[in-house]
N, C-alpha and C. Protein backbone atom coordinates (compact mmCIF):
# COMPACT_ATOMS: atom_id res chain seq x y z
N UNK A 1 90.93 35.63 10.02
CA UNK A 1 91.79 34.72 9.88
C UNK A 1 91.20 33.51 9.13
N UNK A 2 92.24 33.05 8.14
CA UNK A 2 91.88 31.83 7.48
C UNK A 2 92.24 30.59 8.29
N UNK A 3 91.68 29.74 8.20
CA UNK A 3 91.79 28.43 8.79
C UNK A 3 93.18 27.86 9.25
N UNK A 4 93.96 28.18 8.34
CA UNK A 4 95.31 27.86 8.61
C UNK A 4 96.40 28.90 8.38
N UNK A 5 95.78 30.10 8.95
CA UNK A 5 96.89 31.25 9.17
C UNK A 5 97.59 31.03 10.01
N UNK A 6 99.25 30.74 9.85
CA UNK A 6 100.03 30.43 10.82
C UNK A 6 100.78 31.82 11.17
N UNK A 7 100.43 33.10 10.64
CA UNK A 7 101.37 34.27 10.87
C UNK A 7 100.43 35.01 12.09
N UNK A 8 99.05 34.40 12.49
CA UNK A 8 98.35 35.06 13.34
C UNK A 8 98.61 34.16 14.53
N UNK A 9 98.81 34.31 15.75
CA UNK A 9 99.23 33.50 17.12
C UNK A 9 98.00 33.28 17.76
N UNK A 10 96.73 34.43 17.54
CA UNK A 10 95.72 34.00 18.18
C UNK A 10 95.15 32.74 18.19
N UNK A 11 94.16 32.14 19.24
CA UNK A 11 93.22 30.88 19.10
C UNK A 11 92.36 30.99 17.82
N UNK A 12 91.84 30.15 17.07
CA UNK A 12 90.81 30.14 16.16
C UNK A 12 89.45 31.23 16.48
N UNK A 13 88.62 31.67 15.39
CA UNK A 13 87.73 32.74 15.95
C UNK A 13 86.56 32.05 16.55
N UNK A 14 86.28 30.71 16.60
CA UNK A 14 85.05 30.48 17.18
C UNK A 14 85.27 30.41 18.85
N UNK A 15 84.32 31.06 19.25
CA UNK A 15 84.38 31.03 20.86
C UNK A 15 83.90 29.99 21.43
N UNK A 16 84.78 29.21 22.63
CA UNK A 16 84.13 28.27 23.03
C UNK A 16 82.78 28.37 24.13
N UNK A 17 82.02 27.77 24.28
CA UNK A 17 81.12 28.14 25.49
C UNK A 17 81.80 27.79 26.69
N UNK A 18 81.22 28.42 27.93
CA UNK A 18 81.71 28.40 29.17
C UNK A 18 82.08 26.87 29.49
N UNK A 19 81.30 26.15 29.47
CA UNK A 19 81.47 24.55 29.32
C UNK A 19 82.53 23.89 28.85
N UNK A 20 83.28 24.45 27.68
CA UNK A 20 84.19 23.98 26.97
C UNK A 20 85.26 24.84 26.65
N UNK A 21 86.42 24.12 27.59
CA UNK A 21 87.76 24.75 27.38
C UNK A 21 88.57 24.06 26.44
N UNK A 22 89.20 25.05 25.87
CA UNK A 22 90.09 24.55 24.83
C UNK A 22 91.57 24.04 25.25
N UNK A 23 91.41 22.83 25.90
CA UNK A 23 92.61 22.06 26.61
C UNK A 23 92.96 21.33 25.29
N UNK A 24 94.31 21.38 25.19
CA UNK A 24 94.93 20.32 24.31
C UNK A 24 95.80 19.36 25.01
N UNK A 25 95.41 17.92 25.16
CA UNK A 25 95.93 16.93 25.71
C UNK A 25 97.47 16.60 25.00
N UNK A 26 98.57 16.45 25.40
CA UNK A 26 99.50 16.32 24.81
C UNK A 26 100.17 15.25 25.63
N UNK A 27 100.48 13.74 24.96
CA UNK A 27 101.20 12.77 25.38
C UNK A 27 102.02 12.48 24.49
N UNK A 28 103.13 12.80 25.47
CA UNK A 28 104.88 12.41 25.02
C UNK A 28 105.63 12.21 26.04
N UNK A 29 106.43 11.00 25.77
CA UNK A 29 107.26 10.55 26.64
C UNK A 29 108.69 11.12 26.74
N UNK A 30 109.03 11.87 25.52
CA UNK A 30 110.27 12.55 25.66
C UNK A 30 110.23 14.27 26.17
N UNK A 31 110.85 13.96 27.25
CA UNK A 31 110.64 15.56 28.12
C UNK A 31 110.87 16.63 27.27
N UNK A 32 111.85 16.79 26.19
CA UNK A 32 112.34 17.82 25.76
C UNK A 32 111.16 18.41 24.55
N UNK A 33 110.89 17.06 23.94
CA UNK A 33 109.54 17.12 22.99
C UNK A 33 108.47 17.91 23.58
N UNK A 34 108.19 17.31 24.74
CA UNK A 34 107.01 17.68 25.62
C UNK A 34 106.78 19.00 25.52
N UNK A 35 108.04 19.30 26.23
CA UNK A 35 108.20 20.69 26.47
C UNK A 35 108.11 21.79 25.49
N UNK A 36 108.59 21.49 24.37
CA UNK A 36 108.34 22.36 22.86
C UNK A 36 107.07 22.50 22.77
N UNK A 37 106.40 21.40 22.53
CA UNK A 37 104.79 21.28 22.16
C UNK A 37 104.23 22.03 23.19
N UNK A 38 104.26 21.64 24.49
CA UNK A 38 103.70 22.75 25.36
C UNK A 38 104.14 24.08 25.38
N UNK A 39 105.05 24.76 25.03
CA UNK A 39 105.55 26.18 24.99
C UNK A 39 105.05 26.62 23.85
N UNK A 40 104.93 25.63 22.70
CA UNK A 40 104.35 26.39 21.45
C UNK A 40 102.84 26.62 21.64
N UNK A 41 101.92 25.81 22.13
CA UNK A 41 100.62 25.66 22.07
C UNK A 41 100.40 26.82 22.89
N UNK A 42 100.99 26.76 24.11
CA UNK A 42 100.64 27.80 25.37
C UNK A 42 100.89 29.42 24.87
N UNK A 43 102.05 29.46 23.84
CA UNK A 43 102.12 30.82 23.33
C UNK A 43 101.39 31.10 22.30
N UNK A 44 100.46 30.44 22.05
CA UNK A 44 99.44 30.59 21.13
C UNK A 44 98.18 30.45 21.55
N UNK A 45 98.05 30.56 23.12
CA UNK A 45 96.85 31.07 23.84
C UNK A 45 96.16 29.77 24.15
N UNK A 46 96.84 28.46 24.08
CA UNK A 46 96.11 27.49 24.55
C UNK A 46 96.24 26.79 25.92
N UNK A 47 95.17 26.15 26.39
CA UNK A 47 95.58 25.49 27.66
C UNK A 47 96.12 24.03 27.29
N UNK A 48 97.13 23.43 28.30
CA UNK A 48 97.58 22.63 27.64
C UNK A 48 97.79 21.38 29.11
N UNK A 49 97.80 20.05 28.61
CA UNK A 49 97.84 19.15 29.75
C UNK A 49 98.54 17.92 28.88
N UNK A 50 99.78 18.13 29.97
CA UNK A 50 100.76 17.06 29.45
C UNK A 50 100.85 15.96 30.23
N UNK A 51 100.93 14.88 29.64
CA UNK A 51 101.14 13.43 30.09
C UNK A 51 102.42 12.80 29.48
N UNK A 52 103.06 11.76 30.35
CA UNK A 52 104.11 11.10 29.70
C UNK A 52 104.05 9.86 29.40
N UNK A 53 102.82 9.45 29.74
CA UNK A 53 102.49 7.68 29.40
C UNK A 53 101.14 7.68 28.98
N UNK A 54 101.36 6.08 28.13
CA UNK A 54 99.82 6.13 27.75
C UNK A 54 98.96 5.86 28.95
N UNK A 55 99.30 5.21 30.01
CA UNK A 55 98.57 4.77 31.11
C UNK A 55 98.30 6.14 31.80
N UNK A 56 98.99 7.00 31.91
CA UNK A 56 98.64 8.19 32.75
C UNK A 56 97.85 8.75 31.95
N UNK A 57 97.82 9.12 30.66
CA UNK A 57 96.98 9.79 29.75
C UNK A 57 95.38 9.03 29.96
N UNK A 58 95.34 7.57 29.99
CA UNK A 58 94.11 7.12 29.96
C UNK A 58 93.31 7.44 31.31
N UNK A 59 94.57 7.45 32.49
CA UNK A 59 93.89 8.01 33.34
C UNK A 59 92.99 9.13 33.77
N UNK A 60 93.72 10.38 33.02
CA UNK A 60 93.35 11.54 33.11
C UNK A 60 91.98 11.62 32.56
N UNK A 61 91.73 10.95 30.99
CA UNK A 61 90.89 10.87 30.30
C UNK A 61 89.38 10.39 30.97
N UNK A 62 89.71 9.82 32.07
CA UNK A 62 88.38 9.02 32.59
C UNK A 62 87.68 10.19 33.30
N UNK A 63 88.19 11.44 33.67
CA UNK A 63 87.39 12.73 34.44
C UNK A 63 87.72 14.00 33.46
N UNK A 64 88.25 13.93 32.23
CA UNK A 64 88.56 14.73 31.46
C UNK A 64 88.36 14.94 30.09
N UNK A 65 88.03 15.66 29.51
CA UNK A 65 87.84 15.78 28.22
C UNK A 65 88.40 16.85 27.22
N UNK A 66 89.35 16.52 26.77
CA UNK A 66 90.13 18.06 26.21
C UNK A 66 89.50 18.38 24.46
N UNK A 67 89.88 19.23 24.01
CA UNK A 67 89.20 19.66 22.89
C UNK A 67 89.89 18.83 21.53
N UNK A 68 91.53 18.56 21.97
CA UNK A 68 92.47 17.71 20.66
C UNK A 68 92.97 17.28 21.80
N UNK A 69 94.01 16.23 20.83
CA UNK A 69 95.09 15.43 21.33
C UNK A 69 96.07 15.69 20.74
N UNK A 70 97.51 15.88 21.09
CA UNK A 70 98.82 15.23 20.26
C UNK A 70 99.20 14.31 20.92
N UNK A 71 99.41 13.07 20.36
CA UNK A 71 99.87 11.74 20.71
C UNK A 71 101.01 11.31 19.90
N UNK A 72 102.02 11.00 20.79
CA UNK A 72 103.06 10.04 20.38
C UNK A 72 102.55 9.03 19.83
N UNK A 73 103.20 8.11 19.12
CA UNK A 73 102.51 6.85 18.89
C UNK A 73 102.99 5.76 19.51
N UNK A 74 104.34 5.86 19.73
CA UNK A 74 104.99 4.70 20.87
C UNK A 74 105.28 5.25 22.24
N UNK A 75 105.26 4.42 23.42
CA UNK A 75 105.42 4.77 24.65
C UNK A 75 106.05 3.56 25.30
N UNK A 76 106.38 3.89 26.35
CA UNK A 76 107.22 2.51 27.27
C UNK A 76 106.20 1.72 27.54
N UNK A 77 104.83 2.12 27.95
CA UNK A 77 103.87 1.19 28.32
C UNK A 77 102.96 0.95 27.41
N UNK A 78 103.30 1.14 25.98
CA UNK A 78 102.27 0.61 24.91
C UNK A 78 102.57 1.64 23.65
N UNK A 79 101.44 1.58 22.87
CA UNK A 79 101.35 2.48 21.76
C UNK A 79 99.99 3.40 22.25
N UNK A 80 99.83 4.48 21.18
CA UNK A 80 99.07 5.56 21.70
C UNK A 80 97.74 5.11 21.12
N UNK A 81 97.56 3.94 20.53
CA UNK A 81 95.96 3.47 19.82
C UNK A 81 95.31 3.42 20.95
N UNK A 82 95.15 3.11 22.03
CA UNK A 82 94.65 2.97 22.79
C UNK A 82 93.91 4.35 23.29
N UNK A 83 94.77 5.61 23.41
CA UNK A 83 94.44 6.55 23.80
C UNK A 83 93.57 7.10 22.67
N UNK A 84 94.07 6.85 21.65
CA UNK A 84 93.33 7.56 20.20
C UNK A 84 91.93 6.93 20.13
N UNK A 85 91.55 5.68 20.53
CA UNK A 85 90.45 4.82 20.35
C UNK A 85 89.56 5.69 21.41
N UNK A 86 89.71 5.99 22.39
CA UNK A 86 89.13 6.59 23.61
C UNK A 86 88.54 8.03 23.14
N UNK A 87 89.66 8.65 22.61
CA UNK A 87 89.29 10.15 22.24
C UNK A 87 88.23 10.09 21.02
N UNK A 88 88.59 9.23 20.01
CA UNK A 88 87.79 8.95 18.76
C UNK A 88 85.97 8.65 18.83
N UNK A 89 86.20 7.71 20.02
CA UNK A 89 84.60 7.26 20.48
C UNK A 89 83.98 8.62 21.06
N UNK A 90 84.67 9.68 21.66
CA UNK A 90 84.11 10.78 21.94
C UNK A 90 84.09 11.98 21.08
N UNK A 91 84.53 11.55 19.75
CA UNK A 91 84.57 12.62 18.95
C UNK A 91 85.72 13.79 18.75
N UNK A 92 86.57 13.50 19.45
CA UNK A 92 87.61 14.34 19.89
C UNK A 92 88.95 14.35 18.77
N UNK A 93 89.34 15.45 17.90
CA UNK A 93 90.18 15.05 16.87
C UNK A 93 91.55 14.66 17.47
N UNK A 94 92.13 13.62 16.70
CA UNK A 94 93.44 13.16 17.15
C UNK A 94 94.56 13.42 16.06
N UNK A 95 95.75 13.96 16.63
CA UNK A 95 96.82 14.21 16.09
C UNK A 95 97.86 13.52 16.47
N UNK A 96 98.33 12.82 15.62
CA UNK A 96 99.60 12.13 16.03
C UNK A 96 101.02 13.12 15.91
N UNK A 97 101.93 12.88 16.31
CA UNK A 97 103.20 13.70 16.24
C UNK A 97 104.31 12.51 16.61
N UNK A 98 104.76 11.99 15.68
CA UNK A 98 105.74 11.07 15.70
C UNK A 98 106.79 10.79 14.69
N UNK A 99 107.78 10.14 14.83
CA UNK A 99 108.80 9.59 14.03
C UNK A 99 108.43 8.46 13.20
N UNK A 100 107.11 7.86 13.70
CA UNK A 100 106.82 6.88 12.73
C UNK A 100 106.16 7.33 11.63
N UNK A 101 105.52 6.28 10.72
CA UNK A 101 104.95 6.51 9.69
C UNK A 101 103.16 6.36 9.55
N UNK A 102 102.40 7.06 8.94
CA UNK A 102 100.96 6.69 9.16
C UNK A 102 100.71 5.38 8.87
N UNK A 103 101.44 4.88 7.97
CA UNK A 103 101.15 3.33 7.67
C UNK A 103 101.21 2.62 8.84
N UNK A 104 101.53 2.86 10.08
CA UNK A 104 101.39 2.18 11.37
C UNK A 104 100.24 2.22 12.00
N UNK A 105 99.41 2.97 11.30
CA UNK A 105 97.64 3.01 11.85
C UNK A 105 96.95 1.95 11.27
N UNK A 106 96.05 1.45 11.92
CA UNK A 106 95.05 0.42 11.07
C UNK A 106 94.50 1.36 10.15
N UNK A 107 94.10 0.50 9.25
CA UNK A 107 93.48 1.03 7.88
C UNK A 107 92.06 1.98 8.33
N UNK A 108 91.21 1.22 9.29
CA UNK A 108 89.97 1.82 9.46
C UNK A 108 89.97 2.97 10.26
N UNK A 109 91.40 3.49 10.99
CA UNK A 109 91.57 4.60 11.65
C UNK A 109 91.49 5.91 11.16
N UNK A 110 90.44 6.74 11.78
CA UNK A 110 90.54 8.20 11.57
C UNK A 110 91.50 9.25 12.07
N UNK A 111 92.30 9.74 11.73
CA UNK A 111 93.37 10.96 12.23
C UNK A 111 93.02 12.28 11.52
N UNK A 112 92.90 12.89 12.44
CA UNK A 112 93.04 14.43 12.01
C UNK A 112 94.43 14.61 10.89
N UNK A 113 95.29 14.43 11.88
CA UNK A 113 96.85 14.90 10.99
C UNK A 113 97.82 14.06 11.55
N UNK A 114 98.83 13.70 10.89
CA UNK A 114 99.93 12.75 11.31
C UNK A 114 101.42 13.79 11.13
N UNK A 115 101.99 14.12 12.09
CA UNK A 115 103.16 15.27 12.06
C UNK A 115 104.33 14.32 12.68
N UNK A 116 104.94 14.63 11.28
CA UNK A 116 106.40 13.71 11.75
C UNK A 116 107.55 14.53 12.44
N UNK A 117 108.11 13.91 13.31
CA UNK A 117 108.96 14.51 13.94
C UNK A 117 110.17 14.21 13.22
N UNK A 118 111.35 15.46 13.10
CA UNK A 118 111.04 16.58 14.10
C UNK A 118 110.20 17.24 13.19
N UNK A 119 109.28 17.92 14.06
CA UNK A 119 108.33 19.01 13.20
C UNK A 119 108.47 20.70 13.24
N UNK A 120 107.77 21.17 12.46
CA UNK A 120 107.99 22.77 12.35
C UNK A 120 106.92 23.07 13.36
N UNK A 121 107.27 24.38 14.11
CA UNK A 121 106.37 24.95 15.09
C UNK A 121 104.80 25.13 14.21
N UNK A 122 105.17 25.71 13.28
CA UNK A 122 103.79 25.99 12.40
C UNK A 122 102.98 24.95 11.90
N UNK A 123 103.44 23.77 11.57
CA UNK A 123 102.71 22.76 11.31
C UNK A 123 101.85 22.05 12.04
N UNK A 124 102.57 22.14 13.70
CA UNK A 124 101.89 21.75 14.78
C UNK A 124 100.62 22.83 14.86
N UNK A 125 101.22 23.97 15.03
CA UNK A 125 99.68 24.85 15.06
C UNK A 125 98.70 24.65 14.30
N UNK A 126 98.88 24.66 13.07
CA UNK A 126 97.77 24.46 11.96
C UNK A 126 97.19 23.30 12.12
N UNK A 127 97.74 22.18 12.73
CA UNK A 127 96.90 20.94 12.99
C UNK A 127 96.24 21.27 14.22
N UNK A 128 96.62 21.88 15.06
CA UNK A 128 95.89 21.76 16.30
C UNK A 128 94.55 22.77 16.47
N UNK A 129 94.88 23.98 15.58
CA UNK A 129 94.03 25.11 15.30
C UNK A 129 92.96 24.31 14.47
N UNK A 130 93.21 23.87 13.16
CA UNK A 130 92.42 23.01 12.37
C UNK A 130 91.47 21.98 13.10
N UNK A 131 92.21 21.15 14.30
CA UNK A 131 91.24 20.32 14.88
C UNK A 131 90.23 20.96 16.10
N UNK A 132 90.70 22.02 16.66
CA UNK A 132 89.94 22.70 17.59
C UNK A 132 88.60 23.40 16.70
N UNK A 133 89.23 23.87 15.56
CA UNK A 133 87.80 24.37 14.79
C UNK A 133 87.14 23.06 14.23
N UNK A 134 87.51 22.35 14.01
CA UNK A 134 86.45 21.26 13.36
C UNK A 134 85.70 20.60 14.54
N UNK A 135 86.29 20.46 15.72
CA UNK A 135 85.59 19.94 16.95
C UNK A 135 84.43 21.04 17.32
N UNK A 136 84.81 22.36 17.29
CA UNK A 136 83.55 23.28 17.74
C UNK A 136 82.64 23.24 16.74
N UNK A 137 82.89 23.26 15.42
CA UNK A 137 81.82 23.06 14.64
C UNK A 137 80.76 21.69 14.79
N UNK A 138 81.47 20.69 15.32
CA UNK A 138 80.73 19.66 15.33
C UNK A 138 79.85 19.50 16.48
N UNK A 139 80.25 20.23 17.60
CA UNK A 139 79.35 20.38 18.67
C UNK A 139 78.59 21.29 18.36
N UNK A 140 78.85 22.46 17.37
CA UNK A 140 77.79 23.64 17.32
C UNK A 140 76.53 22.91 16.22
N UNK A 141 77.19 21.98 15.52
CA UNK A 141 76.08 21.33 14.56
C UNK A 141 75.31 20.01 15.68
N UNK A 142 75.67 19.80 16.36
CA UNK A 142 75.05 18.75 17.16
C UNK A 142 73.82 19.68 18.01
N UNK A 143 74.61 20.52 18.72
CA UNK A 143 73.42 21.39 19.15
C UNK A 143 72.43 22.01 18.52
N UNK A 144 72.48 22.08 17.27
CA UNK A 144 71.66 22.82 16.32
C UNK A 144 70.34 21.73 15.90
N UNK A 145 70.78 20.33 15.91
CA UNK A 145 70.16 18.97 15.60
C UNK A 145 68.98 18.85 16.47
């Protein structure tokens, strides 16, 4: 399977170790969009944790660590940057899925992908698969160092 092969619904070829579950954190305050993202990712064999607010996601992150995260940019209780900063500090790839523009991000902020709403399922899957493979690769390199 190539890195961005959208015709194969199986997860990436890299096998997670027992202590690394491929959970994707989804933070989206629009219920129908959250449900759509959840269904697309679960159909591709991924574990998904959906949170509907910035504060709820930050609480979840206090005791959990996803493989990657798909974040909206704006929430009723603030923007998604606070979540993204926590994730980035842990080396977890961040994917924004938003109606906004990437120019909304600070210049020095590194984001794995920016998916504009409305999105195609294949674009979401491509970004998430890439992020998970990238995270697994970095973890494997750290273990070898």
